[in-house]
Protein backbone atom coordinates (compact mmCIF):
# COMPACT_ATOMS: atom_id res chain seq x y z
CA MET A 1 58.03 -24.73 164.94
CA ASP A 2 57.23 -21.15 164.58
CA ASN A 3 54.70 -19.32 166.52
CA SER A 4 52.39 -18.54 163.37
CA LEU A 5 52.11 -22.42 162.75
CA ILE A 6 51.28 -23.16 166.36
CA GLN A 7 48.83 -20.07 166.46
CA ASP A 8 47.06 -21.55 163.10
CA LEU A 9 46.98 -25.05 164.68
CA THR A 10 45.42 -23.53 167.69
CA VAL A 11 42.57 -21.43 165.77
CA ALA A 12 41.84 -24.73 163.70
CA ASN A 13 41.52 -26.83 166.82
CA GLU A 14 39.35 -24.26 168.55
CA LYS A 15 37.17 -24.07 165.25
CA GLN A 16 37.05 -27.84 165.48
CA TRP A 17 35.98 -28.01 169.03
CA TRP A 18 33.47 -25.58 168.45
CA LYS A 19 31.87 -27.21 165.56
CA ILE A 20 32.04 -30.52 167.45
CA GLY A 21 30.20 -28.85 170.35
CA LYS A 22 27.55 -27.47 168.08
CA ASP A 23 26.82 -30.83 166.34
CA VAL A 24 26.55 -32.46 170.16
CA GLU A 25 23.99 -29.65 170.78
CA ASN A 26 22.02 -30.34 167.68
CA VAL A 27 21.95 -34.09 168.22
CA LYS A 28 20.74 -33.57 171.64
CA GLU A 29 18.09 -31.24 170.67
CA ILE A 30 16.89 -33.89 168.09
CA LEU A 31 17.02 -36.66 170.44
CA GLY A 32 14.79 -34.54 172.85
CA LEU A 33 12.60 -34.04 170.19
CA ARG A 34 12.32 -37.62 169.25
CA GLU A 35 11.68 -38.61 172.78
CA VAL A 36 8.86 -36.17 173.27
CA LYS A 37 7.41 -37.62 169.90
CA ILE A 38 7.86 -41.29 171.06
CA LYS A 39 6.11 -40.40 174.63
CA HIS A 40 3.16 -38.77 172.39
CA LEU A 41 2.75 -41.66 170.22
CA GLU A 42 2.72 -44.18 173.55
CA PHE A 43 0.34 -42.20 174.92
CA GLN A 44 -1.73 -42.15 171.69
CA ASN A 45 -1.29 -45.88 171.84
CA ARG A 46 -2.70 -46.23 175.44
CA ASN A 47 -5.66 -44.05 174.14
CA LEU A 48 -6.47 -46.23 171.20
CA GLU A 49 -6.34 -49.54 173.39
CA ARG A 50 -8.70 -47.65 175.82
CA ALA A 51 -10.95 -46.94 173.04
CA ASN A 52 -10.69 -50.25 171.32
CA ASP A 53 -11.81 -51.62 174.70
CA GLN A 54 -14.66 -49.39 175.00
CA LEU A 55 -15.69 -50.32 171.29
CA THR A 56 -15.34 -54.03 172.30
CA ASP A 57 -17.66 -53.43 175.21
CA GLU A 58 -20.12 -51.44 173.16
CA ILE A 59 -20.40 -54.02 170.74
CA LYS A 60 -21.25 -56.84 173.31
CA GLY A 61 -23.84 -54.35 174.87
CA MET A 62 -25.36 -53.67 171.59
CA CYS A 63 -25.46 -57.42 170.65
CA LEU A 64 -27.17 -58.25 173.85
CA GLN A 65 -29.63 -55.16 173.38
CA ILE A 66 -30.24 -56.56 169.74
CA SER A 67 -30.81 -60.08 170.99
CA ALA A 68 -33.20 -58.97 173.75
CA TYR A 69 -35.18 -56.85 171.21
CA GLN A 70 -35.06 -59.58 168.88
CA ASP A 71 -36.77 -61.97 171.60
CA TYR A 72 -39.10 -59.48 172.75
CA LYS A 73 -40.38 -59.03 169.27
CA SER A 74 -40.77 -62.49 168.57
CA PHE A 75 -42.64 -63.05 171.72
CA GLN A 76 -44.93 -59.97 171.02
CA GLU A 77 -45.77 -60.84 167.49
CA GLY A 78 -46.16 -64.62 168.01
CA GLU A 79 -44.82 -65.48 164.46
CA ARG A 80 -41.45 -65.41 163.05
CA SER A 81 -42.55 -63.36 159.96
CA GLY A 82 -40.42 -60.27 161.22
CA MET A 83 -37.31 -62.07 162.16
CA GLY A 84 -35.73 -61.83 158.64
CA ASN A 85 -35.70 -57.82 159.02
CA VAL A 86 -34.36 -58.15 162.63
CA THR A 87 -31.82 -60.39 161.92
CA SER A 88 -30.72 -58.33 158.98
CA GLU A 89 -30.26 -55.30 160.96
CA ILE A 90 -28.23 -57.09 163.48
CA GLN A 91 -26.00 -58.31 160.82
CA LYS A 92 -25.68 -54.75 159.58
CA CYS A 93 -24.91 -53.32 163.11
CA TRP A 94 -22.47 -56.13 163.69
CA LYS A 95 -20.54 -55.46 160.48
CA GLN A 96 -20.43 -51.70 161.27
CA LEU A 97 -19.07 -52.29 164.70
CA HIS A 98 -16.69 -54.93 163.41
CA ASN A 99 -15.43 -52.59 160.81
CA LYS A 100 -15.04 -49.86 163.20
CA LEU A 101 -12.95 -52.09 165.45
CA GLU A 102 -10.72 -53.40 162.63
CA ILE A 103 -9.96 -49.87 161.69
CA ALA A 104 -9.12 -48.93 165.29
CA GLU A 105 -6.83 -52.07 165.69
CA GLN A 106 -5.12 -51.30 162.28
CA GLN A 107 -4.41 -47.57 163.39
CA HIS A 108 -3.09 -49.06 166.66
CA LYS A 109 -0.67 -51.54 164.72
CA GLY A 110 0.50 -48.45 162.65
CA GLU A 111 1.32 -46.18 165.34
CA LYS A 112 2.89 -48.96 167.47
CA CYS A 113 5.02 -49.64 164.21
CA GLN A 114 5.84 -45.64 164.03
CA ALA A 115 6.82 -45.68 167.75
CA SER A 116 9.05 -48.55 167.23
CA LYS A 117 10.76 -46.91 164.18
CA LEU A 118 11.22 -43.68 166.09
CA ARG A 119 13.03 -45.73 168.92
CA HIS A 120 15.22 -47.10 166.46
CA VAL A 121 16.37 -43.56 164.78
CA LEU A 122 16.65 -42.40 168.52
CA GLU A 123 18.97 -45.26 169.41
CA GLY A 124 21.06 -44.48 166.17
CA PHE A 125 21.34 -40.86 167.26
CA GLU A 126 22.60 -41.97 170.56
CA GLN A 127 25.14 -43.97 168.91
CA ILE A 128 26.18 -41.09 167.05
CA TRP A 129 26.49 -38.99 170.01
CA GLU A 130 28.51 -41.43 171.76
CA VAL A 131 30.92 -41.43 169.02
CA GLN A 132 31.26 -37.74 168.83
CA LYS A 133 31.61 -37.57 172.63
CA ASN A 134 34.45 -40.20 172.56
CA ALA A 135 36.05 -37.90 169.42
CA ILE A 136 35.77 -35.17 171.85
CA ILE A 137 37.34 -36.87 174.57
CA GLN A 138 40.17 -38.09 172.42
CA LEU A 139 40.80 -34.49 171.02
CA LYS A 140 41.03 -33.04 174.60
CA GLY A 141 43.30 -35.95 175.61
């Protein structure tokens, strides 16, 4: 082989190595960003779980307060004529709190699903990174 062909092959090989190295760096950067996003979503999930627990406790407490209020009013009035209004208010409160709880649970499920999808994307990038790493090793060898 003549020297110019060898030089051309060497330059082409160096360019290919540089491009592969750049691709590997880009994939590592993307993986890092994905990991940060996943950790952030997992943190949000934990916060939503705590908020969900807190809402559940608030609902239970409000139910107890409403029940105690209902008993007190019933005893104080000595009649059942006002019970319809109290019961109606209790039902309204219960529905509102129940709706808040359902919304929080749906939000939590959505974020868990998003975290799962991101985890799968991250696994895909890791596989690509392994393939590129193996290609680099083969080119060096």
